[in-house]
């Protein structure tokens, strides 16, 4: 008979401590942004919206420091933040993040007209 393991803290899924990017020389931004996204989603699923939002914002901070950040991942992060705030009934914040997606799309369309 198999035992059911209940995970109460998503951070326990990672074998090493989560190290702050600011303390890491030459951080791998793709790794950290992906890690923050996974943690945000895990906390969302576990119904800890506050912690989920915290990690999605950490992910967004990374993208804002990277001009070459993947646009799809960046927009996905904005969507996650918008959806999270909507679920928490923080509609002004939800609208802010979701509008950023639209602004990014408009900027991209204007840029593509040059080609």
Protein backbone atom coordinates (compact mmCIF):
# COMPACT_ATOMS: atom_id res chain seq x y z
CA UNK A 1 0.00 0.00 0.00
CA UNK A 2 1.38 3.39 -1.01
CA UNK A 3 1.40 6.32 1.36
CA UNK A 4 0.01 9.63 0.26
CA UNK A 5 2.51 12.41 0.77
CA UNK A 6 0.98 15.80 1.44
CA UNK A 7 3.18 18.75 0.61
CA UNK A 8 2.38 21.73 2.78
CA UNK A 9 5.15 24.00 1.54
CA UNK A 10 6.25 24.03 -2.13
CA UNK A 11 9.73 25.20 -1.11
CA UNK A 12 10.29 21.73 0.35
CA UNK A 13 10.17 20.32 -3.20
CA UNK A 14 13.53 21.84 -4.02
CA UNK A 15 16.62 20.03 -2.73
CA UNK A 16 18.64 23.17 -2.18
CA UNK A 17 17.87 26.43 -0.45
CA UNK A 18 16.41 29.15 -2.58
CA UNK A 19 19.20 31.69 -2.87
CA UNK A 20 18.40 35.31 -3.48
CA UNK A 21 19.45 36.50 -6.92
CA UNK A 22 21.05 39.56 -5.37
CA UNK A 23 23.43 37.30 -3.42
CA UNK A 24 24.36 35.13 -6.39
CA UNK A 25 27.32 36.11 -8.56
CA UNK A 26 26.41 35.72 -12.25
CA UNK A 27 22.85 34.50 -11.63
CA UNK A 28 21.08 32.35 -14.20
CA UNK A 29 18.05 34.56 -14.77
CA UNK A 30 16.22 31.92 -16.81
CA UNK A 31 16.60 29.41 -13.98
CA UNK A 32 15.45 31.85 -11.30
CA UNK A 33 12.51 33.19 -13.32
CA UNK A 34 11.38 29.62 -14.01
CA UNK A 35 11.78 28.70 -10.35
CA UNK A 36 9.77 31.71 -9.22
CA UNK A 37 7.07 30.84 -11.76
CA UNK A 38 6.84 27.26 -10.47
CA UNK A 39 6.63 28.50 -6.88
CA UNK A 40 3.96 31.05 -7.80
CA UNK A 41 1.89 28.35 -9.50
CA UNK A 42 2.41 25.89 -6.64
CA UNK A 43 1.25 28.38 -4.05
CA UNK A 44 -1.70 29.31 -6.27
CA UNK A 45 -2.77 25.67 -6.41
CA UNK A 46 -2.29 25.36 -2.66
CA UNK A 47 -4.57 28.38 -2.19
CA UNK A 48 -1.93 30.67 -0.72
CA UNK A 49 -2.53 33.56 -3.09
CA UNK A 50 -0.37 36.00 -1.14
CA UNK A 51 2.74 33.83 -1.46
CA UNK A 52 1.88 33.00 -5.07
CA UNK A 53 1.67 36.69 -5.88
CA UNK A 54 4.99 37.28 -4.11
CA UNK A 55 6.79 34.77 -6.34
CA UNK A 56 5.12 35.97 -9.54
CA UNK A 57 6.31 39.49 -8.65
CA UNK A 58 9.84 38.15 -8.09
CA UNK A 59 9.62 36.61 -11.56
CA UNK A 60 8.40 39.92 -13.00
CA UNK A 61 11.32 41.74 -11.35
CA UNK A 62 13.72 39.49 -13.23
CA UNK A 63 12.03 40.16 -16.56
CA UNK A 64 12.07 43.91 -15.95
CA UNK A 65 15.87 43.75 -15.53
CA UNK A 66 16.36 41.79 -18.76
CA UNK A 67 15.78 43.60 -22.04
CA UNK A 68 16.17 40.29 -23.88
CA UNK A 69 13.58 38.48 -21.74
CA UNK A 70 11.32 36.06 -23.59
CA UNK A 71 8.17 38.01 -24.44
CA UNK A 72 5.91 34.98 -24.04
CA UNK A 73 7.21 34.22 -20.54
CA UNK A 74 6.96 37.89 -19.59
CA UNK A 75 3.34 38.10 -20.78
CA UNK A 76 2.54 34.81 -19.03
CA UNK A 77 3.87 36.29 -15.79
CA UNK A 78 1.71 39.40 -16.27
CA UNK A 79 -1.31 37.16 -16.93
CA UNK A 80 -0.62 35.10 -13.79
CA UNK A 81 -0.41 38.27 -11.69
CA UNK A 82 -3.60 39.62 -13.25
CA UNK A 83 -5.45 36.36 -12.68
CA UNK A 84 -4.16 36.06 -9.11
CA UNK A 85 -5.32 39.58 -8.23
CA UNK A 86 -8.68 38.91 -9.88
CA UNK A 87 -9.17 35.80 -7.73
CA UNK A 88 -8.27 37.88 -4.66
CA UNK A 89 -10.86 40.47 -5.79
CA UNK A 90 -8.16 43.12 -6.20
CA UNK A 91 -9.59 44.23 -9.50
CA UNK A 92 -7.60 47.45 -9.92
CA UNK A 93 -4.33 45.51 -9.68
CA UNK A 94 -5.69 42.78 -11.96
CA UNK A 95 -6.62 45.34 -14.60
CA UNK A 96 -3.18 46.96 -14.33
CA UNK A 97 -1.31 43.72 -15.08
CA UNK A 98 -3.70 42.59 -17.80
CA UNK A 99 -3.47 46.00 -19.50
CA UNK A 100 0.32 45.62 -19.58
CA UNK A 101 -0.16 42.57 -21.80
CA UNK A 102 -2.24 44.61 -24.24
CA UNK A 103 0.32 47.44 -24.26
CA UNK A 104 3.06 44.94 -25.04
CA UNK A 105 1.06 43.50 -27.92
CA UNK A 106 0.43 46.98 -29.35
CA UNK A 107 4.14 47.81 -29.08
CA UNK A 108 5.05 44.57 -30.86
CA UNK A 109 2.56 45.21 -33.68
CA UNK A 110 3.97 48.72 -34.22
CA UNK A 111 7.49 47.30 -34.32
CA UNK A 112 6.54 44.62 -36.85
CA UNK A 113 5.25 47.27 -39.27
CA UNK A 114 8.85 48.35 -39.87
CA UNK A 115 9.69 44.98 -41.45
